Protein backbone atom coordinates (compact mmCIF):
# COMPACT_ATOMS: atom_id res chain seq x y z
CA UNK A 1 -49.67 140.83 72.00
CA UNK A 2 -49.22 138.47 74.89
CA UNK A 3 -52.95 138.03 75.22
CA UNK A 4 -53.24 137.30 71.49
CA UNK A 5 -50.50 134.67 71.67
CA UNK A 6 -52.26 133.01 74.58
CA UNK A 7 -55.49 132.78 72.62
CA UNK A 8 -53.68 131.18 69.65
CA UNK A 9 -52.05 128.57 71.87
CA UNK A 10 -55.43 127.76 73.43
CA UNK A 11 -57.09 127.39 70.02
CA UNK A 12 -54.26 125.04 68.83
CA UNK A 13 -54.63 122.83 71.89
CA UNK A 14 -58.38 122.61 71.41
CA UNK A 15 -57.89 121.67 67.73
CA UNK A 16 -55.43 118.90 68.54
CA UNK A 17 -57.74 117.54 71.21
CA UNK A 18 -60.64 117.47 68.78
CA UNK A 19 -58.56 115.64 66.14
CA UNK A 20 -57.50 112.99 68.65
CA UNK A 21 -61.06 112.47 69.81
CA UNK A 22 -62.21 112.03 66.19
CA UNK A 23 -59.39 109.58 65.37
CA UNK A 24 -60.21 107.16 68.24
CA UNK A 25 -63.46 105.77 66.71
CA UNK A 26 -61.69 105.11 63.40
CA UNK A 27 -58.91 103.24 65.16
CA UNK A 28 -61.46 101.19 67.07
CA UNK A 29 -63.24 100.45 63.83
CA UNK A 30 -60.00 99.34 62.16
CA UNK A 31 -59.20 97.09 65.12
CA UNK A 32 -62.68 95.57 65.01
CA UNK A 33 -62.38 94.95 61.24
CA UNK A 34 -59.05 93.24 61.71
CA UNK A 35 -60.49 90.99 64.38
CA UNK A 36 -63.45 90.09 62.15
CA UNK A 37 -61.12 89.21 59.26
CA UNK A 38 -59.01 86.98 61.48
CA UNK A 39 -62.13 85.32 62.86
CA UNK A 40 -63.47 84.72 59.34
CA UNK A 41 -60.16 83.17 58.29
CA UNK A 42 -60.25 80.89 61.31
CA UNK A 43 -63.80 79.78 60.47
CA UNK A 44 -62.78 79.14 56.84
CA UNK A 45 -59.83 77.01 57.96
CA UNK A 46 -62.08 75.06 60.32
CA UNK A 47 -64.60 74.49 57.51
CA UNK A 48 -61.82 73.30 55.17
CA UNK A 49 -60.57 70.86 57.79
CA UNK A 50 -64.09 69.56 58.34
CA UNK A 51 -64.61 69.12 54.58
CA UNK A 52 -61.36 67.20 54.24
CA UNK A 53 -62.34 64.93 57.10
CA UNK A 54 -65.78 64.36 55.53
CA UNK A 55 -64.23 63.53 52.15
CA UNK A 56 -61.75 61.19 53.82
CA UNK A 57 -64.56 59.36 55.60
CA UNK A 58 -66.60 59.21 52.39
CA UNK A 59 -63.67 57.74 50.48
CA UNK A 60 -63.27 55.08 53.13
CA UNK A 61 -66.97 54.20 52.76
CA UNK A 62 -66.88 53.83 48.95
CA UNK A 63 -68.28 50.60 47.53
CA UNK A 64 -65.70 47.93 46.85
CA UNK A 65 -65.03 47.05 43.21
CA UNK A 66 -65.14 43.30 42.76
CA UNK A 67 -63.59 41.25 39.98
CA UNK A 68 -65.84 40.38 37.00
CA UNK A 69 -68.05 37.33 37.39
CA UNK A 70 -66.66 34.19 35.79
CA UNK A 71 -68.16 33.82 32.30
CA UNK A 72 -69.19 30.20 32.77
CA UNK A 73 -70.81 30.95 36.15
CA UNK A 74 -72.77 33.78 34.57
CA UNK A 75 -73.98 31.55 31.73
CA UNK A 76 -75.01 28.85 34.18
CA UNK A 77 -76.92 31.41 36.23
CA UNK A 78 -78.74 32.54 33.07
CA UNK A 79 -79.65 28.96 32.21
CA UNK A 80 -81.00 28.32 35.70
CA UNK A 81 -82.97 31.56 35.57
CA UNK A 82 -84.57 31.31 32.13
CA UNK A 83 -85.04 27.57 31.61
CA UNK A 84 -87.34 25.20 33.45
CA UNK A 85 -85.75 23.14 36.21
CA UNK A 86 -87.05 19.90 34.69
CA UNK A 87 -84.65 20.16 31.74
CA UNK A 88 -81.53 21.25 33.67
CA UNK A 89 -79.30 18.53 35.08
CA UNK A 90 -76.11 19.47 36.98
CA UNK A 91 -73.38 16.86 36.60
CA UNK A 92 -69.87 16.25 37.90
CA UNK A 93 -66.69 15.96 35.83
CA UNK A 94 -64.11 14.92 38.37
CA UNK A 95 -64.19 17.57 41.10
CA UNK A 96 -65.84 20.20 38.87
CA UNK A 97 -69.54 20.51 38.14
CA UNK A 98 -71.16 21.50 34.86
CA UNK A 99 -74.66 21.91 33.50
CA UNK A 100 -76.46 19.84 30.88
CA UNK A 101 -79.86 20.36 29.29
CA UNK A 102 -81.81 17.16 28.71
CA UNK A 103 -84.83 16.88 26.41
CA UNK A 104 -86.16 13.35 26.27
CA UNK A 105 -87.64 11.69 23.22
CA UNK A 106 -91.33 12.50 22.67
CA UNK A 107 -91.94 10.23 19.66
CA UNK A 108 -93.19 6.65 19.65
CA UNK A 109 -89.93 5.31 18.18
CA UNK A 110 -86.63 5.84 20.03
CA UNK A 111 -83.62 6.34 17.79
CA UNK A 112 -81.00 7.18 20.39
CA UNK A 113 -79.20 10.09 22.00
CA UNK A 114 -77.79 13.21 20.34
CA UNK A 115 -75.07 14.83 22.45
CA UNK A 116 -74.76 18.52 21.53
CA UNK A 117 -71.57 20.42 22.38
CA UNK A 118 -71.30 24.13 21.38
CA UNK A 119 -68.00 25.87 20.76
CA UNK A 120 -66.04 27.25 23.69
CA UNK A 121 -67.08 30.78 24.75
CA UNK A 122 -70.68 29.85 23.91
CA UNK A 123 -73.68 29.24 26.11
CA UNK A 124 -75.53 25.94 25.84
CA UNK A 125 -78.37 27.78 24.08
CA UNK A 126 -76.53 30.45 22.08
CA UNK A 127 -75.77 28.38 18.97
CA UNK A 128 -78.67 28.72 16.56
CA UNK A 129 -77.88 25.36 14.92
CA UNK A 130 -77.60 23.32 18.13
CA UNK A 131 -80.51 25.14 19.74
CA UNK A 132 -82.70 24.19 16.78
CA UNK A 133 -81.60 20.55 17.03
CA UNK A 134 -82.21 20.56 20.78
CA UNK A 135 -85.81 21.66 20.28
CA UNK A 136 -86.60 19.62 17.13
CA UNK A 137 -84.90 16.24 17.50
CA UNK A 138 -87.03 14.96 20.45
CA UNK A 139 -90.05 15.01 18.13
CA UNK A 140 -88.16 12.72 15.74
CA UNK A 141 -87.23 10.09 18.31
CA UNK A 142 -83.98 11.48 19.74
CA UNK A 143 -83.12 12.36 23.32
CA UNK A 144 -80.81 15.38 23.32
CA UNK A 145 -78.18 16.20 25.94
CA UNK A 146 -76.78 19.69 25.47
CA UNK A 147 -73.56 20.49 27.33
CA UNK A 148 -72.50 23.85 28.70
CA UNK A 149 -68.88 23.84 27.43
CA UNK A 150 -65.91 24.98 29.53
CA UNK A 151 -64.24 28.30 28.78
CA UNK A 152 -61.53 28.71 26.20
CA UNK A 153 -58.11 27.83 27.69
CA UNK A 154 -56.32 30.77 29.26
CA UNK A 155 -53.25 31.81 27.32
CA UNK A 156 -54.32 30.13 24.08
CA UNK A 157 -53.05 30.89 21.53
CA UNK A 158 -49.66 31.67 23.06
CA UNK A 159 -48.05 35.10 22.69
CA UNK A 160 -44.50 33.78 23.15
CA UNK A 161 -41.94 35.23 20.75
CA UNK A 162 -40.03 32.03 20.07
CA UNK A 163 -41.78 29.40 17.96
CA UNK A 164 -40.65 26.47 20.11
CA UNK A 165 -41.93 28.15 23.27
CA UNK A 166 -45.19 29.09 21.56
CA UNK A 167 -45.83 25.51 20.41
CA UNK A 168 -45.06 24.14 23.87
CA UNK A 169 -47.49 26.53 25.56
CA UNK A 170 -50.23 25.86 23.01
CA UNK A 171 -49.86 22.10 23.41
CA UNK A 172 -49.88 22.33 27.20
CA UNK A 173 -53.04 24.50 27.25
CA UNK A 174 -54.88 22.32 24.75
CA UNK A 175 -53.91 19.13 26.60
CA UNK A 176 -55.32 20.53 29.85
CA UNK A 177 -58.51 21.56 28.06
CA UNK A 178 -58.89 18.15 26.42
CA UNK A 179 -58.49 16.50 29.83
CA UNK A 180 -61.53 18.50 30.96
CA UNK A 181 -63.44 17.43 27.84
CA UNK A 182 -62.64 13.78 28.54
CA UNK A 183 -64.13 14.00 32.04
CA UNK A 184 -67.20 15.86 30.79
CA UNK A 185 -67.88 13.54 27.85
CA UNK A 186 -67.38 10.40 29.95
CA UNK A 187 -69.94 11.68 32.47
CA UNK A 188 -72.39 12.52 29.68
CA UNK A 189 -71.90 9.15 27.97
CA UNK A 190 -72.65 7.38 31.26
CA UNK A 191 -75.88 9.36 31.45
CA UNK A 192 -76.69 8.61 27.80
CA UNK A 193 -76.53 4.87 28.50
CA UNK A 194 -79.79 5.23 30.41
CA UNK A 195 -81.56 5.71 27.06
CA UNK A 196 -81.90 3.15 24.25
CA UNK A 197 -80.47 3.54 20.77
CA UNK A 198 -77.23 4.85 19.27
CA UNK A 199 -75.05 7.78 20.39
CA UNK A 200 -74.37 10.63 17.98
CA UNK A 201 -72.22 13.65 18.89
CA UNK A 202 -72.83 17.01 17.24
CA UNK A 203 -70.21 19.64 18.03
CA UNK A 204 -69.29 23.07 16.75
CA UNK A 205 -66.14 25.13 16.20
CA UNK A 206 -62.90 24.28 18.01
CA UNK A 207 -64.62 21.82 20.32
CA UNK A 208 -65.56 19.73 17.28
CA UNK A 209 -61.90 19.50 16.22
CA UNK A 210 -60.70 18.66 19.73
CA UNK A 211 -63.39 16.00 20.21
CA UNK A 212 -62.51 14.46 16.86
CA UNK A 213 -58.88 14.30 17.97
CA UNK A 214 -59.85 12.60 21.26
CA UNK A 215 -61.90 9.96 19.41
CA UNK A 216 -59.11 9.42 16.88
CA UNK A 217 -56.44 8.89 19.55
CA UNK A 218 -58.64 6.60 21.63
CA UNK A 219 -58.74 8.88 24.68
CA UNK A 220 -62.53 8.82 24.41
CA UNK A 221 -64.83 5.96 23.51
CA UNK A 222 -66.04 6.66 19.99
CA UNK A 223 -69.75 7.34 19.37
CA UNK A 224 -71.77 5.73 16.60
CA UNK A 225 -71.26 8.86 14.48
CA UNK A 226 -70.07 12.45 14.76
CA UNK A 227 -71.27 15.66 13.11
CA UNK A 228 -68.87 18.62 12.92
CA UNK A 229 -70.26 22.12 12.38
CA UNK A 230 -67.91 24.86 11.10
CA UNK A 231 -64.94 23.18 12.73
CA UNK A 232 -61.62 25.02 12.99
CA UNK A 233 -58.52 25.44 15.14
CA UNK A 234 -56.40 28.51 15.71
CA UNK A 235 -53.20 26.43 15.72
CA UNK A 236 -51.96 23.06 14.40
CA UNK A 237 -54.84 22.70 11.94
CA UNK A 238 -52.78 20.41 9.70
CA UNK A 239 -51.92 18.02 12.53
CA UNK A 240 -55.53 17.80 13.67
CA UNK A 241 -56.68 17.13 10.09
CA UNK A 242 -54.19 14.28 9.71
CA UNK A 243 -55.27 12.65 12.98
CA UNK A 244 -58.95 12.96 12.11
CA UNK A 245 -58.44 11.37 8.68
CA UNK A 246 -56.89 8.28 10.30
CA UNK A 247 -59.81 7.64 12.67
CA UNK A 248 -62.55 5.06 12.18
CA UNK A 249 -65.35 7.31 13.45
CA UNK A 250 -67.99 8.12 10.80
CA UNK A 251 -67.89 11.90 10.37
CA UNK A 252 -70.21 14.38 8.68
CA UNK A 253 -68.25 17.59 8.18
CA UNK A 254 -70.66 20.49 7.59
CA UNK A 255 -69.76 24.09 6.82
CA UNK A 256 -71.44 27.15 5.35
CA UNK A 257 -71.11 28.99 2.07
CA UNK A 258 -70.50 32.18 4.07
CA UNK A 259 -67.91 31.35 6.69
CA UNK A 260 -64.99 32.94 8.45
CA UNK A 261 -61.60 32.43 6.79
CA UNK A 262 -60.27 29.97 9.38
CA UNK A 263 -63.22 27.62 8.88
CA UNK A 264 -62.73 27.66 5.11
CA UNK A 265 -58.99 26.91 5.30
CA UNK A 266 -59.42 24.17 7.95
CA UNK A 267 -62.23 22.58 5.93
CA UNK A 268 -59.99 22.31 2.87
CA UNK A 269 -57.25 20.66 4.95
CA UNK A 270 -59.63 18.05 6.37
CA UNK A 271 -61.01 17.21 2.93
CA UNK A 272 -57.53 16.79 1.46
CA UNK A 273 -56.36 14.55 4.30
CA UNK A 274 -59.53 12.43 4.20
CA UNK A 275 -59.01 11.83 0.47
CA UNK A 276 -55.35 11.03 1.05
CA UNK A 277 -56.13 8.46 3.75
CA UNK A 278 -59.16 7.20 1.78
CA UNK A 279 -61.38 7.60 4.83
CA UNK A 280 -64.57 5.72 3.97
CA UNK A 281 -67.13 7.14 6.41
CA UNK A 282 -66.37 10.78 5.82
CA UNK A 283 -68.63 13.24 4.08
CA UNK A 284 -68.08 16.94 3.73
CA UNK A 285 -71.02 19.12 2.75
CA UNK A 286 -71.50 22.83 2.31
CA UNK A 287 -74.85 24.37 3.26
CA UNK A 288 -75.95 27.62 1.69
CA UNK A 289 -76.79 30.38 4.17
CA UNK A 290 -77.92 33.99 3.87
CA UNK A 291 -76.44 35.29 7.11
CA UNK A 292 -72.83 34.59 8.03
CA UNK A 293 -72.47 32.04 10.81
CA UNK A 294 -76.15 31.01 10.86
CA UNK A 295 -77.09 27.52 9.71
CA UNK A 296 -80.24 27.06 7.62
CA UNK A 297 -82.31 24.98 10.02
CA UNK A 298 -84.20 22.68 7.68
CA UNK A 299 -81.18 22.05 5.46
CA UNK A 300 -79.15 21.17 8.55
CA UNK A 301 -81.69 18.63 9.77
CA UNK A 302 -82.08 17.07 6.30
CA UNK A 303 -78.28 16.76 5.93
CA UNK A 304 -77.90 14.99 9.29
CA UNK A 305 -80.84 12.61 8.84
CA UNK A 306 -79.84 11.76 5.27
CA UNK A 307 -76.25 11.02 6.21
CA UNK A 308 -77.22 8.82 9.17
CA UNK A 309 -79.47 6.77 6.91
CA UNK A 310 -76.69 6.43 4.33
CA UNK A 311 -74.36 4.81 6.90
CA UNK A 312 -77.05 2.48 8.20
CA UNK A 313 -78.55 4.37 11.12
């Protein structure tokens, strides 16, 4: 019995020893796996830090976003790019410069100078009516000077809630704009004196109304005649119509059969005031057009030439 017990004890010890020896590799393997996991996490953290640093550097190197190019500057750049240098003449209006397009008379007889002023927000060549006159009139004896107009006044019309405040802001903005027009038109008139004949001004939209007001109030020397194309104002249309009707400047007031509502209402006001003041050299004529805003070219030229002949030019 004692010998049997001894053998059992020996077998138990051997079994335990074998189990311990088998467990050691598994423990080593678990330890190695744990170390690999920790090392992988460390590498992932390092990669994340590197990516953040790269993104931070990339964000610092992003291209700067500049403010939009001034509309007038862009239009002047287009004119300089697409038109021949011989016809482009930069001029000064006070401290500011502006661009004019000059096409000299190509006929044997010289009638005079047509000064063409598009509406604000327009390029010197974007008006179909004035562009047609610019290209056609030199063959009929006219030298044309087309003006790149200044931009529409900032803050006009006013968004003020109170009517008094709104009127004050509108008047202030329009006065500043008209001061610019005075400088521009005086510079152009000085240039026009280099050519023989009469001076006729053809203007479109709001600029036509504002120019008519400047001639009526004597802030600008009046031309021999003035042609208004689709003239309108966003504010004070009645006041402008009254002032225009009291002027001595011969005026041809042209508009289209298909016009925007403001042009139609302003046209009716000018006609009524001209009749009230019995303005002699005032003619209003409607031209029939197929496409809204586009003047029929031949009808436009016939209307201008016929009217100038009727008043002695």
